[in-house]
Amino acid sequence: MPGLEETMLCYSLKPKDLGWAWCVVDADGETVASGFAADRDAAGSDVRAAYNAAAARQLAELPLAA
C-alpha cells in the first residue's frame, strides 16, 4: 500500500518522579503528542487516545486507491 510507511507511529510511556510521562512519535521521529499523568492507568488512557487520534489523522491523509 503506497504511503503505509508514512503512517507508522510508536509511543513511549515512562515512569517519572511524580507520575508518568508519555509521547507519540511518527515515522520521521517527530513528536505528534505528549503529556503527563499522575498514575499509569491515566497515562495509558491518554497515550492510547493520542495514538488513535494521530493514526486517524494520518490515514485520512493517505491518497485513495484509484
PDB file of N, CA and C in Angstrom:
ATOM      1  N   MET A   1       0.853  -1.170   0.000  1.00  0.00           N
ATOM      2  CA  MET A   1       0.000   0.000   0.000  1.00  0.00           C
ATOM      3  C   MET A   1       0.901   1.236   0.000  1.00  0.00           C
ATOM      4  N   PRO A   2       0.792   2.069  -0.994  1.00  0.00           N
ATOM      5  CA  PRO A   2       1.628   3.273  -1.045  1.00  0.00           C
ATOM      6  C   PRO A   2       1.349   4.182   0.148  1.00  0.00           C
ATOM      7  N   GLY A   3       2.397   4.692   0.728  1.00  0.00           N
ATOM      8  CA  GLY A   3       2.245   5.624   1.834  1.00  0.00           C
ATOM      9  C   GLY A   3       2.095   4.977   3.197  1.00  0.00           C
ATOM     10  N   LEU A   4       2.061   3.650   3.256  1.00  0.00           N
ATOM     11  CA  LEU A   4       1.861   2.986   4.543  1.00  0.00           C
ATOM     12  C   LEU A   4       2.988   3.318   5.515  1.00  0.00           C
ATOM     13  N   GLU A   5       4.230   3.385   5.015  1.00  0.00           N
ATOM     14  CA  GLU A   5       5.347   3.701   5.906  1.00  0.00           C
ATOM     15  C   GLU A   5       5.181   5.074   6.552  1.00  0.00           C
ATOM     16  N   GLU A   6       4.437   5.947   5.934  1.00  0.00           N
ATOM     17  CA  GLU A   6       4.211   7.278   6.486  1.00  0.00           C
ATOM     18  C   GLU A   6       3.246   7.251   7.668  1.00  0.00           C
ATOM     19  N   THR A   7       2.532   6.156   7.857  1.00  0.00           N
ATOM     20  CA  THR A   7       1.558   6.079   8.935  1.00  0.00           C
ATOM     21  C   THR A   7       2.117   5.394  10.178  1.00  0.00           C
ATOM     22  N   MET A   8       3.380   5.016  10.151  1.00  0.00           N
ATOM     23  CA  MET A   8       3.966   4.336  11.305  1.00  0.00           C
ATOM     24  C   MET A   8       4.041   5.280  12.497  1.00  0.00           C
ATOM     25  N   LEU A   9       3.609   4.789  13.636  1.00  0.00           N
ATOM     26  CA  LEU A   9       3.646   5.549  14.882  1.00  0.00           C
ATOM     27  C   LEU A   9       4.216   4.658  15.979  1.00  0.00           C
ATOM     28  N   CYS A  10       4.815   5.246  16.969  1.00  0.00           N
ATOM     29  CA  CYS A  10       5.192   4.498  18.157  1.00  0.00           C
ATOM     30  C   CYS A  10       4.917   5.375  19.365  1.00  0.00           C
ATOM     31  N   TYR A  11       4.889   4.760  20.518  1.00  0.00           N
ATOM     32  CA  TYR A  11       4.637   5.537  21.717  1.00  0.00           C
ATOM     33  C   TYR A  11       5.607   5.120  22.819  1.00  0.00           C
ATOM     34  N   SER A  12       5.736   5.991  23.787  1.00  0.00           N
ATOM     35  CA  SER A  12       6.594   5.745  24.935  1.00  0.00           C
ATOM     36  C   SER A  12       5.825   6.124  26.186  1.00  0.00           C
ATOM     37  N   LEU A  13       5.942   5.298  27.190  1.00  0.00           N
ATOM     38  CA  LEU A  13       5.295   5.546  28.482  1.00  0.00           C
ATOM     39  C   LEU A  13       6.354   5.278  29.546  1.00  0.00           C
ATOM     40  N   LYS A  14       6.792   6.329  30.262  1.00  0.00           N
ATOM     41  CA  LYS A  14       7.905   6.182  31.198  1.00  0.00           C
ATOM     42  C   LYS A  14       7.551   6.728  32.574  1.00  0.00           C
ATOM     43  N   PRO A  15       7.943   5.982  33.617  1.00  0.00           N
ATOM     44  CA  PRO A  15       7.713   6.490  34.979  1.00  0.00           C
ATOM     45  C   PRO A  15       8.641   7.667  35.279  1.00  0.00           C
ATOM     46  N   LYS A  16       8.097   8.660  35.947  1.00  0.00           N
ATOM     47  CA  LYS A  16       8.857   9.830  36.396  1.00  0.00           C
ATOM     48  C   LYS A  16       8.608  10.010  37.889  1.00  0.00           C
ATOM     49  N   ASP A  17       9.253  10.980  38.494  1.00  0.00           N
ATOM     50  CA  ASP A  17       9.153  11.187  39.943  1.00  0.00           C
ATOM     51  C   ASP A  17       7.713  11.347  40.436  1.00  0.00           C
ATOM     52  N   LEU A  18       6.923  12.129  39.739  1.00  0.00           N
ATOM     53  CA  LEU A  18       5.576  12.431  40.216  1.00  0.00           C
ATOM     54  C   LEU A  18       4.466  11.812  39.378  1.00  0.00           C
ATOM     55  N   GLY A  19       4.801  10.870  38.499  1.00  0.00           N
ATOM     56  CA  GLY A  19       3.779  10.247  37.665  1.00  0.00           C
ATOM     57  C   GLY A  19       4.391   9.587  36.444  1.00  0.00           C
ATOM     58  N   TRP A  20       3.666   9.680  35.338  1.00  0.00           N
ATOM     59  CA  TRP A  20       4.066   9.009  34.097  1.00  0.00           C
ATOM     60  C   TRP A  20       4.064   9.992  32.935  1.00  0.00           C
ATOM     61  N   ALA A  21       5.172  10.016  32.203  1.00  0.00           N
ATOM     62  CA  ALA A  21       5.276  10.844  31.003  1.00  0.00           C
ATOM     63  C   ALA A  21       5.025   9.945  29.796  1.00  0.00           C
ATOM     64  N   TRP A  22       4.385  10.489  28.769  1.00  0.00           N
ATOM     65  CA  TRP A  22       4.121   9.705  27.563  1.00  0.00           C
ATOM     66  C   TRP A  22       4.287  10.581  26.334  1.00  0.00           C
ATOM     67  N   CYS A  23       4.543   9.932  25.188  1.00  0.00           N
ATOM     68  CA  CYS A  23       4.585  10.648  23.923  1.00  0.00           C
ATOM     69  C   CYS A  23       4.264   9.695  22.785  1.00  0.00           C
ATOM     70  N   VAL A  24       3.791  10.259  21.691  1.00  0.00           N
ATOM     71  CA  VAL A  24       3.528   9.526  20.460  1.00  0.00           C
ATOM     72  C   VAL A  24       4.419  10.153  19.394  1.00  0.00           C
ATOM     73  N   VAL A  25       5.171   9.313  18.668  1.00  0.00           N
ATOM     74  CA  VAL A  25       6.153   9.775  17.693  1.00  0.00           C
ATOM     75  C   VAL A  25       5.829   9.167  16.332  1.00  0.00           C
ATOM     76  N   ASP A  26       5.976   9.973  15.256  1.00  0.00           N
ATOM     77  CA  ASP A  26       5.702   9.463  13.911  1.00  0.00           C
ATOM     78  C   ASP A  26       6.963   8.854  13.296  1.00  0.00           C
ATOM     79  N   ALA A  27       6.845   8.387  12.063  1.00  0.00           N
ATOM     80  CA  ALA A  27       7.933   7.698  11.380  1.00  0.00           C
ATOM     81  C   ALA A  27       9.154   8.585  11.161  1.00  0.00           C
ATOM     82  N   ASP A  28       8.955   9.901  11.157  1.00  0.00           N
ATOM     83  CA  ASP A  28      10.063  10.842  10.974  1.00  0.00           C
ATOM     84  C   ASP A  28      10.741  11.205  12.297  1.00  0.00           C
ATOM     85  N   GLY A  29      10.256  10.633  13.388  1.00  0.00           N
ATOM     86  CA  GLY A  29      10.816  10.947  14.691  1.00  0.00           C
ATOM     87  C   GLY A  29      10.257  12.209  15.310  1.00  0.00           C
ATOM     88  N   GLU A  30       9.211  12.740  14.698  1.00  0.00           N
ATOM     89  CA  GLU A  30       8.568  13.950  15.224  1.00  0.00           C
ATOM     90  C   GLU A  30       7.532  13.578  16.286  1.00  0.00           C
ATOM     91  N   THR A  31       7.555  14.277  17.403  1.00  0.00           N
ATOM     92  CA  THR A  31       6.553  14.060  18.438  1.00  0.00           C
ATOM     93  C   THR A  31       5.237  14.666  17.970  1.00  0.00           C
ATOM     94  N   VAL A  32       4.183  13.847  17.914  1.00  0.00           N
ATOM     95  CA  VAL A  32       2.877  14.342  17.478  1.00  0.00           C
ATOM     96  C   VAL A  32       1.952  14.608  18.661  1.00  0.00           C
ATOM     97  N   ALA A  33       2.279  14.050  19.826  1.00  0.00           N
ATOM     98  CA  ALA A  33       1.508  14.302  21.042  1.00  0.00           C
ATOM     99  C   ALA A  33       2.359  13.896  22.243  1.00  0.00           C
ATOM    100  N   SER A  34       2.157  14.567  23.354  1.00  0.00           N
ATOM    101  CA  SER A  34       2.860  14.199  24.573  1.00  0.00           C
ATOM    102  C   SER A  34       2.064  14.680  25.770  1.00  0.00           C
ATOM    103  N   GLY A  35       2.360  14.105  26.920  1.00  0.00           N
ATOM    104  CA  GLY A  35       1.657  14.520  28.116  1.00  0.00           C
ATOM    105  C   GLY A  35       2.231  13.883  29.362  1.00  0.00           C
ATOM    106  N   PHE A  36       1.541  14.093  30.464  1.00  0.00           N
ATOM    107  CA  PHE A  36       1.970  13.609  31.767  1.00  0.00           C
ATOM    108  C   PHE A  36       0.713  13.298  32.568  1.00  0.00           C
ATOM    109  N   ALA A  37       0.749  12.205  33.324  1.00  0.00           N
ATOM    110  CA  ALA A  37      -0.384  11.848  34.174  1.00  0.00           C
ATOM    111  C   ALA A  37       0.137  11.357  35.523  1.00  0.00           C
ATOM    112  N   ALA A  38      -0.683  11.498  36.536  1.00  0.00           N
ATOM    113  CA  ALA A  38      -0.279  11.129  37.889  1.00  0.00           C
ATOM    114  C   ALA A  38      -0.138   9.622  38.081  1.00  0.00           C
ATOM    115  N   ASP A  39      -0.927   8.841  37.359  1.00  0.00           N
ATOM    116  CA  ASP A  39      -0.818   7.388  37.523  1.00  0.00           C
ATOM    117  C   ASP A  39      -0.755   6.690  36.173  1.00  0.00           C
ATOM    118  N   ARG A  40      -0.326   5.439  36.205  1.00  0.00           N
ATOM    119  CA  ARG A  40      -0.084   4.687  34.970  1.00  0.00           C
ATOM    120  C   ARG A  40      -1.362   4.446  34.172  1.00  0.00           C
ATOM    121  N   ASP A  41      -2.460   4.161  34.847  1.00  0.00           N
ATOM    122  CA  ASP A  41      -3.714   3.913  34.132  1.00  0.00           C
ATOM    123  C   ASP A  41      -4.169   5.148  33.356  1.00  0.00           C
ATOM    124  N   ALA A  42      -4.080   6.302  33.988  1.00  0.00           N
ATOM    125  CA  ALA A  42      -4.471   7.540  33.307  1.00  0.00           C
ATOM    126  C   ALA A  42      -3.531   7.831  32.145  1.00  0.00           C
ATOM    127  N   ALA A  43      -2.240   7.632  32.351  1.00  0.00           N
ATOM    128  CA  ALA A  43      -1.271   7.853  31.273  1.00  0.00           C
ATOM    129  C   ALA A  43      -1.530   6.880  30.125  1.00  0.00           C
ATOM    130  N   GLY A  44      -1.846   5.633  30.439  1.00  0.00           N
ATOM    131  CA  GLY A  44      -2.152   4.646  29.408  1.00  0.00           C
ATOM    132  C   GLY A  44      -3.373   5.041  28.588  1.00  0.00           C
ATOM    133  N   SER A  45      -4.392   5.548  29.255  1.00  0.00           N
ATOM    134  CA  SER A  45      -5.588   6.009  28.545  1.00  0.00           C
ATOM    135  C   SER A  45      -5.278   7.204  27.657  1.00  0.00           C
ATOM    136  N   ASP A  46      -4.482   8.137  28.184  1.00  0.00           N
ATOM    137  CA  ASP A  46      -4.122   9.336  27.418  1.00  0.00           C
ATOM    138  C   ASP A  46      -3.305   8.974  26.180  1.00  0.00           C
ATOM    139  N   VAL A  47      -2.307   8.107  26.352  1.00  0.00           N
ATOM    140  CA  VAL A  47      -1.444   7.753  25.220  1.00  0.00           C
ATOM    141  C   VAL A  47      -2.233   6.965  24.180  1.00  0.00           C
ATOM    142  N   ARG A  48      -3.150   6.113  24.615  1.00  0.00           N
ATOM    143  CA  ARG A  48      -3.994   5.363  23.669  1.00  0.00           C
ATOM    144  C   ARG A  48      -4.851   6.306  22.843  1.00  0.00           C
ATOM    145  N   ALA A  49      -5.475   7.273  23.495  1.00  0.00           N
ATOM    146  CA  ALA A  49      -6.323   8.235  22.784  1.00  0.00           C
ATOM    147  C   ALA A  49      -5.497   9.070  21.802  1.00  0.00           C
ATOM    148  N   ALA A  50      -4.313   9.527  22.228  1.00  0.00           N
ATOM    149  CA  ALA A  50      -3.463  10.333  21.352  1.00  0.00           C
ATOM    150  C   ALA A  50      -2.961   9.515  20.170  1.00  0.00           C
ATOM    151  N   TYR A  51      -2.580   8.264  20.416  1.00  0.00           N
ATOM    152  CA  TYR A  51      -2.101   7.374  19.352  1.00  0.00           C
ATOM    153  C   TYR A  51      -3.210   7.147  18.322  1.00  0.00           C
ATOM    154  N   ASN A  52      -4.401   6.839  18.797  1.00  0.00           N
ATOM    155  CA  ASN A  52      -5.527   6.595  17.886  1.00  0.00           C
ATOM    156  C   ASN A  52      -5.882   7.842  17.084  1.00  0.00           C
ATOM    157  N   ALA A  53      -5.849   9.007  17.716  1.00  0.00           N
ATOM    158  CA  ALA A  53      -6.148  10.254  17.005  1.00  0.00           C
ATOM    159  C   ALA A  53      -5.088  10.534  15.941  1.00  0.00           C
ATOM    160  N   ALA A  54      -3.818  10.316  16.271  1.00  0.00           N
ATOM    161  CA  ALA A  54      -2.744  10.542  15.299  1.00  0.00           C
ATOM    162  C   ALA A  54      -2.851   9.555  14.139  1.00  0.00           C
ATOM    163  N   ALA A  55      -3.173   8.315  14.433  1.00  0.00           N
ATOM    164  CA  ALA A  55      -3.330   7.306  13.374  1.00  0.00           C
ATOM    165  C   ALA A  55      -4.498   7.673  12.464  1.00  0.00           C
ATOM    166  N   ALA A  56      -5.601   8.122  13.031  1.00  0.00           N
ATOM    167  CA  ALA A  56      -6.762   8.518  12.223  1.00  0.00           C
ATOM    168  C   ALA A  56      -6.424   9.696  11.316  1.00  0.00           C
ATOM    169  N   ARG A  57      -5.680  10.686  11.847  1.00  0.00           N
ATOM    170  CA  ARG A  57      -5.268  11.830  11.023  1.00  0.00           C
ATOM    171  C   ARG A  57      -4.385  11.377   9.864  1.00  0.00           C
ATOM    172  N   GLN A  58      -3.423  10.496  10.160  1.00  0.00           N
ATOM    173  CA  GLN A  58      -2.512  10.037   9.113  1.00  0.00           C
ATOM    174  C   GLN A  58      -3.251   9.229   8.050  1.00  0.00           C
ATOM    175  N   LEU A  59      -4.146   8.367   8.470  1.00  0.00           N
ATOM    176  CA  LEU A  59      -4.902   7.564   7.499  1.00  0.00           C
ATOM    177  C   LEU A  59      -5.808   8.428   6.648  1.00  0.00           C
ATOM    178  N   ALA A  60      -6.351   9.476   7.232  1.00  0.00           N
ATOM    179  CA  ALA A  60      -7.220  10.392   6.462  1.00  0.00           C
ATOM    180  C   ALA A  60      -6.433  11.129   5.389  1.00  0.00           C
ATOM    181  N   GLU A  61      -5.137  11.289   5.594  1.00  0.00           N
ATOM    182  CA  GLU A  61      -4.306  11.991   4.629  1.00  0.00           C
ATOM    183  C   GLU A  61      -3.787  11.101   3.498  1.00  0.00           C
ATOM    184  N   LEU A  62      -3.946   9.786   3.616  1.00  0.00           N
ATOM    185  CA  LEU A  62      -3.476   8.875   2.573  1.00  0.00           C
ATOM    186  C   LEU A  62      -4.315   9.050   1.301  1.00  0.00           C
ATOM    187  N   PRO A  63      -3.669   9.008   0.145  1.00  0.00           N
ATOM    188  CA  PRO A  63      -4.447   9.094  -1.090  1.00  0.00           C
ATOM    189  C   PRO A  63      -5.266   7.819  -1.281  1.00  0.00           C
ATOM    190  N   LEU A  64      -6.456   7.977  -1.800  1.00  0.00           N
ATOM    191  CA  LEU A  64      -7.321   6.829  -2.049  1.00  0.00           C
ATOM    192  C   LEU A  64      -6.843   6.086  -3.292  1.00  0.00           C
ATOM    193  N   ALA A  65      -6.938   4.770  -3.253  1.00  0.00           N
ATOM    194  CA  ALA A  65      -6.555   3.967  -4.421  1.00  0.00           C
ATOM    195  C   ALA A  65      -7.540   4.216  -5.559  1.00  0.00           C
ATOM    196  N   ALA A  66      -7.020   4.285  -6.756  1.00  0.00           N
ATOM    197  CA  ALA A  66      -7.885   4.554  -7.924  1.00  0.00           C
ATOM    198  C   ALA A  66      -8.582   3.314  -8.387  1.00  0.00           C
TER     199      ALA A  66
END
